[in-house]
C-alpha atoms as a PDB file:
ATOM      1  CA  MET A   1     112.407  79.186 132.582  1.00  0.00           C
ATOM      2  CA  ALA A   2     109.201  80.402 130.954  1.00  0.00           C
ATOM      3  CA  THR A   3     108.829  83.513 128.826  1.00  0.00           C
ATOM      4  CA  ASP A   4     107.444  85.461 131.802  1.00  0.00           C
ATOM      5  CA  ASP A   5     110.629  84.730 133.748  1.00  0.00           C
ATOM      6  CA  LEU A   6     112.731  85.609 130.712  1.00  0.00           C
ATOM      7  CA  MET A   7     110.818  88.869 130.301  1.00  0.00           C
ATOM      8  CA  SER A   8     111.210  89.698 133.992  1.00  0.00           C
ATOM      9  CA  ARG A   9     114.964  89.146 133.747  1.00  0.00           C
ATOM     10  CA  ALA A  10     115.123  91.213 130.551  1.00  0.00           C
ATOM     11  CA  LEU A  11     113.173  94.084 132.104  1.00  0.00           C
ATOM     12  CA  ALA A  12     115.363  93.989 135.204  1.00  0.00           C
ATOM     13  CA  ALA A  13     118.433  94.083 132.975  1.00  0.00           C
ATOM     14  CA  LEU A  14     117.168  97.253 131.324  1.00  0.00           C
ATOM     15  CA  GLY A  15     118.133  99.134 134.455  1.00  0.00           C
ATOM     16  CA  GLU A  16     121.659  97.692 134.187  1.00  0.00           C
ATOM     17  CA  VAL A  17     122.259  98.702 130.562  1.00  0.00           C
ATOM     18  CA  ASP A  18     123.418 102.124 129.420  1.00  0.00           C
ATOM     19  CA  GLY A  19     121.874 102.939 126.060  1.00  0.00           C
ATOM     20  CA  PRO A  20     119.682 100.649 124.025  1.00  0.00           C
ATOM     21  CA  MET A  21     119.396  97.031 125.094  1.00  0.00           C
ATOM     22  CA  SER A  22     120.885  94.717 122.510  1.00  0.00           C
ATOM     23  CA  VAL A  23     119.750  91.222 121.616  1.00  0.00           C
ATOM     24  CA  GLU A  24     123.032  90.041 123.140  1.00  0.00           C
ATOM     25  CA  VAL A  25     121.614  90.974 126.545  1.00  0.00           C
ATOM     26  CA  ILE A  26     118.668  88.710 125.803  1.00  0.00           C
ATOM     27  CA  HIS A  27     121.061  85.942 124.732  1.00  0.00           C
ATOM     28  CA  ARG A  28     122.899  86.239 128.045  1.00  0.00           C
ATOM     29  CA  LEU A  29     119.606  86.201 129.932  1.00  0.00           C
ATOM     30  CA  VAL A  30     118.634  82.921 128.315  1.00  0.00           C
ATOM     31  CA  ASP A  31     122.157  81.652 129.020  1.00  0.00           C
ATOM     32  CA  VAL A  32     121.850  78.672 126.717  1.00  0.00           C
ATOM     33  CA  GLY A  33     125.477  79.082 125.685  1.00  0.00           C
ATOM     34  CA  ALA A  34     126.536  77.483 128.946  1.00  0.00           C
ATOM     35  CA  ALA A  35     124.375  74.466 128.205  1.00  0.00           C
ATOM     36  CA  THR A  36     126.420  71.827 126.433  1.00  0.00           C
ATOM     37  CA  ASP A  37     123.590  69.380 125.878  1.00  0.00           C
ATOM     38  CA  PRO A  38     121.078  69.899 123.101  1.00  0.00           C
ATOM     39  CA  MET A  39     117.511  70.514 124.239  1.00  0.00           C
ATOM     40  CA  THR A  40     114.401  68.565 123.359  1.00  0.00           C
ATOM     41  CA  ILE A  41     111.331  70.190 121.863  1.00  0.00           C
ATOM     42  CA  THR A  42     109.591  69.919 125.232  1.00  0.00           C
ATOM     43  CA  GLU A  43     112.465  71.678 127.015  1.00  0.00           C
ATOM     44  CA  VAL A  44     112.558  74.486 124.438  1.00  0.00           C
ATOM     45  CA  ALA A  45     108.779  74.832 124.534  1.00  0.00           C
ATOM     46  CA  ASP A  46     108.919  75.159 128.336  1.00  0.00           C
ATOM     47  CA  LEU A  47     111.847  77.582 128.186  1.00  0.00           C
ATOM     48  CA  LEU A  48     110.148  79.913 125.739  1.00  0.00           C
ATOM     49  CA  ASP A  49     106.562  79.278 126.862  1.00  0.00           C
ATOM     50  CA  MET A  50     105.638  78.164 123.366  1.00  0.00           C
ATOM     51  CA  SER A  51     103.794  75.105 122.236  1.00  0.00           C
ATOM     52  CA  PRO A  52     105.694  72.292 120.538  1.00  0.00           C
ATOM     53  CA  HIS A  53     103.252  72.795 117.665  1.00  0.00           C
ATOM     54  CA  THR A  54     104.489  76.383 117.218  1.00  0.00           C
ATOM     55  CA  LEU A  55     108.106  75.219 117.308  1.00  0.00           C
ATOM     56  CA  ARG A  56     107.399  72.617 114.628  1.00  0.00           C
ATOM     57  CA  TYR A  57     105.586  75.275 112.580  1.00  0.00           C
ATOM     58  CA  TYR A  58     108.573  77.648 112.811  1.00  0.00           C
ATOM     59  CA  GLU A  59     110.789  74.823 111.590  1.00  0.00           C
ATOM     60  CA  ARG A  60     108.400  73.872 108.774  1.00  0.00           C
ATOM     61  CA  ILE A  61     108.233  77.432 107.400  1.00  0.00           C
ATOM     62  CA  GLY A  62     112.009  77.811 107.522  1.00  0.00           C
ATOM     63  CA  LEU A  63     112.486  80.138 110.476  1.00  0.00           C
ATOM     64  CA  VAL A  64     114.758  77.745 112.335  1.00  0.00           C
ATOM     65  CA  GLU A  65     116.749  74.643 111.472  1.00  0.00           C
ATOM     66  CA  VAL A  66     116.691  71.867 114.011  1.00  0.00           C
ATOM     67  CA  ALA A  67     118.971  68.848 114.003  1.00  0.00           C
ATOM     68  CA  ARG A  68     117.691  65.374 114.759  1.00  0.00           C
ATOM     69  CA  ASP A  69     119.181  62.907 117.201  1.00  0.00           C
ATOM     70  CA  ALA A  70     119.812  59.222 116.443  1.00  0.00           C
ATOM     71  CA  SER A  71     116.171  58.454 117.251  1.00  0.00           C
ATOM     72  CA  GLY A  72     114.907  61.146 114.904  1.00  0.00           C
ATOM     73  CA  HIS A  73     113.797  63.487 117.687  1.00  0.00           C
ATOM     74  CA  ARG A  74     114.386  67.220 117.373  1.00  0.00           C
ATOM     75  CA  SER A  75     117.569  68.378 119.052  1.00  0.00           C
ATOM     76  CA  TYR A  76     117.859  72.153 119.629  1.00  0.00           C
ATOM     77  CA  ASP A  77     121.367  73.535 120.002  1.00  0.00           C
ATOM     78  CA  ALA A  78     122.161  76.892 121.614  1.00  0.00           C
ATOM     79  CA  ALA A  79     122.122  78.715 118.252  1.00  0.00           C
ATOM     80  CA  ALA A  80     118.617  77.433 117.455  1.00  0.00           C
ATOM     81  CA  VAL A  81     117.360  78.513 120.878  1.00  0.00           C
ATOM     82  CA  ARG A  82     118.922  81.979 120.489  1.00  0.00           C
ATOM     83  CA  ARG A  83     117.240  82.296 117.101  1.00  0.00           C
ATOM     84  CA  LEU A  84     113.928  81.318 118.658  1.00  0.00           C
ATOM     85  CA  VAL A  85     114.378  83.939 121.391  1.00  0.00           C
ATOM     86  CA  PHE A  86     114.887  86.540 118.660  1.00  0.00           C
ATOM     87  CA  LEU A  87     111.857  85.246 116.754  1.00  0.00           C
ATOM     88  CA  THR A  88     109.631  85.393 119.835  1.00  0.00           C
ATOM     89  CA  ARG A  89     110.719  88.972 120.570  1.00  0.00           C
ATOM     90  CA  MET A  90     110.014  90.009 116.992  1.00  0.00           C
ATOM     91  CA  ARG A  91     106.618  88.301 116.976  1.00  0.00           C
ATOM     92  CA  LEU A  92     105.726  89.894 120.315  1.00  0.00           C
ATOM     93  CA  SER A  93     106.614  93.281 118.852  1.00  0.00           C
ATOM     94  CA  GLY A  94     104.274  92.677 115.940  1.00  0.00           C
ATOM     95  CA  MET A  95     106.620  91.703 113.130  1.00  0.00           C
ATOM     96  CA  ALA A  96     104.670  89.844 110.468  1.00  0.00           C
ATOM     97  CA  MET A  97     105.561  86.218 109.760  1.00  0.00           C
ATOM     98  CA  ARG A  98     106.346  87.001 106.110  1.00  0.00           C
ATOM     99  CA  ASP A  99     108.801  89.700 107.262  1.00  0.00           C
ATOM    100  CA  LEU A 100     110.399  87.264 109.711  1.00  0.00           C
ATOM    101  CA  GLN A 101     110.709  84.646 106.988  1.00  0.00           C
ATOM    102  CA  HIS A 102     112.294  87.191 104.666  1.00  0.00           C
ATOM    103  CA  TYR A 103     114.669  88.368 107.399  1.00  0.00           C
ATOM    104  CA  MET A 104     115.740  84.818 108.282  1.00  0.00           C
ATOM    105  CA  ARG A 105     116.283  83.911 104.618  1.00  0.00           C
ATOM    106  CA  LEU A 106     118.531  86.948 104.341  1.00  0.00           C
ATOM    107  CA  ALA A 107     120.373  86.042 107.550  1.00  0.00           C
ATOM    108  CA  ASP A 108     120.970  82.536 106.253  1.00  0.00           C
ATOM    109  CA  GLU A 109     122.401  83.960 103.005  1.00  0.00           C
ATOM    110  CA  GLY A 110     125.239  85.616 104.894  1.00  0.00           C
ATOM    111  CA  ASP A 111     126.916  88.964 105.358  1.00  0.00           C
ATOM    112  CA  ASP A 112     126.113  90.283 101.890  1.00  0.00           C
ATOM    113  CA  THR A 113     122.526  90.780 103.059  1.00  0.00           C
ATOM    114  CA  VAL A 114     123.358  92.882 106.125  1.00  0.00           C
ATOM    115  CA  PRO A 115     122.244  96.180 104.508  1.00  0.00           C
ATOM    116  CA  GLU A 116     118.818  94.750 103.631  1.00  0.00           C
ATOM    117  CA  ARG A 117     118.426  93.188 107.087  1.00  0.00           C
ATOM    118  CA  LEU A 118     119.370  96.501 108.649  1.00  0.00           C
ATOM    119  CA  ASP A 119     116.699  98.273 106.590  1.00  0.00           C
ATOM    120  CA  LEU A 120     114.087  95.757 107.740  1.00  0.00           C
ATOM    121  CA  LEU A 121     115.072  96.195 111.385  1.00  0.00           C
ATOM    122  CA  LEU A 122     115.164  99.996 111.163  1.00  0.00           C
ATOM    123  CA  GLU A 123     111.657  99.987 109.736  1.00  0.00           C
ATOM    124  CA  HIS A 124     110.496  97.602 112.450  1.00  0.00           C
ATOM    125  CA  ARG A 125     112.149  99.739 115.128  1.00  0.00           C
ATOM    126  CA  ASP A 126     110.108 102.713 113.886  1.00  0.00           C
ATOM    127  CA  THR A 127     106.967 100.600 114.174  1.00  0.00           C
ATOM    128  CA  ILE A 128     107.872  99.560 117.732  1.00  0.00           C
ATOM    129  CA  ARG A 129     108.588 103.166 118.723  1.00  0.00           C
ATOM    130  CA  ARG A 130     105.178 104.204 117.388  1.00  0.00           C
ATOM    131  CA  GLN A 131     103.571 101.365 119.364  1.00  0.00           C
ATOM    132  CA  LEU A 132     105.388 102.482 122.515  1.00  0.00           C
ATOM    133  CA  LYS A 133     104.096 106.036 122.071  1.00  0.00           C
ATOM    134  CA  GLU A 134     100.573 104.726 121.536  1.00  0.00           C
ATOM    135  CA  LEU A 135     100.857 102.520 124.630  1.00  0.00           C
ATOM    136  CA  THR A 136     102.207 105.458 126.650  1.00  0.00           C
ATOM    137  CA  LEU A 137      99.187 107.495 125.607  1.00  0.00           C
ATOM    138  CA  SER A 138      96.901 104.597 126.528  1.00  0.00           C
ATOM    139  CA  LEU A 139      98.602 104.329 129.915  1.00  0.00           C
ATOM    140  CA  ALA A 140      98.113 108.056 130.495  1.00  0.00           C
ATOM    141  CA  ALA A 141      94.404 107.739 129.650  1.00  0.00           C
ATOM    142  CA  THR A 142      94.099 104.769 132.007  1.00  0.00           C
ATOM    143  CA  GLU A 143      95.912 106.618 134.810  1.00  0.00           C
ATOM    144  CA  TYR A 144      93.621 109.606 134.278  1.00  0.00           C
ATOM    145  CA  LYS A 145      90.516 107.438 134.627  1.00  0.00           C
ATOM    146  CA  ILE A 146      91.911 105.719 137.718  1.00  0.00           C
ATOM    147  CA  ALA A 147      92.502 109.124 139.307  1.00  0.00           C
ATOM    148  CA  THR A 148      89.024 110.258 138.214  1.00  0.00           C
ATOM    149  CA  TYR A 149      87.475 107.336 140.059  1.00  0.00           C
ATOM    150  CA  GLY A 150      89.382 108.187 143.221  1.00  0.00           C
ATOM    151  CA  GLY A 151      92.191 105.729 142.765  1.00  0.00           C
ATOM    152  CA  HIS A 152      95.841 106.588 142.859  1.00  0.00           C
ATOM    153  CA  ALA A 153      97.579 106.903 139.551  1.00  0.00           C
ATOM    154  CA  GLY A 154     101.121 105.608 139.506  1.00  0.00           C
ATOM    155  CA  PRO A 155     103.333 102.632 138.936  1.00  0.00           C
ATOM    156  CA  SER A 156     101.816 100.318 141.560  1.00  0.00           C
ATOM    157  CA  SER A 157      99.464  97.677 140.229  1.00  0.00           C
ATOM    158  CA  THR A 158      98.669  96.358 143.725  1.00  0.00           C
ATOM    159  CA  GLU A 159      96.802  99.433 144.962  1.00  0.00           C
ATOM    160  CA  LYS A 160      93.022  99.099 144.996  1.00  0.00           C
ATOM    161  CA  ALA A 161      90.707 101.938 144.031  1.00  0.00           C
END
């Protein structure tokens, strides 16, 4: 399942969730908890539509720990994949790598760091909300221009002007 499929499932799930969508919904969408076998780097790369190079980079900079099998190959368990799903969502939303590294270091330190992690996420949520408002304004400007040119403004992307 590539990231596009994951995103489609996540967006569809938004209509099923009352209130804000939690990362647990994303975890269920990935459904790696049901998988008992560890995943290879190629499988994880395909699942998350990331390159193996990026996965190795995330490991090298300390964002995710990955076990090795008897042959020395990377072996991703469900927890590592869930962490990578979170990382990809945060990167997509614009969180800086240094902030992600700081957040993950705090997470690895345990529950004593929850207040600081919460502060980081609240600040990032404010950034995302601002981005959403800016994108909404951009969408409105785009819809206006489409209507100006005789097209039909609205949710359909298949209509031709």
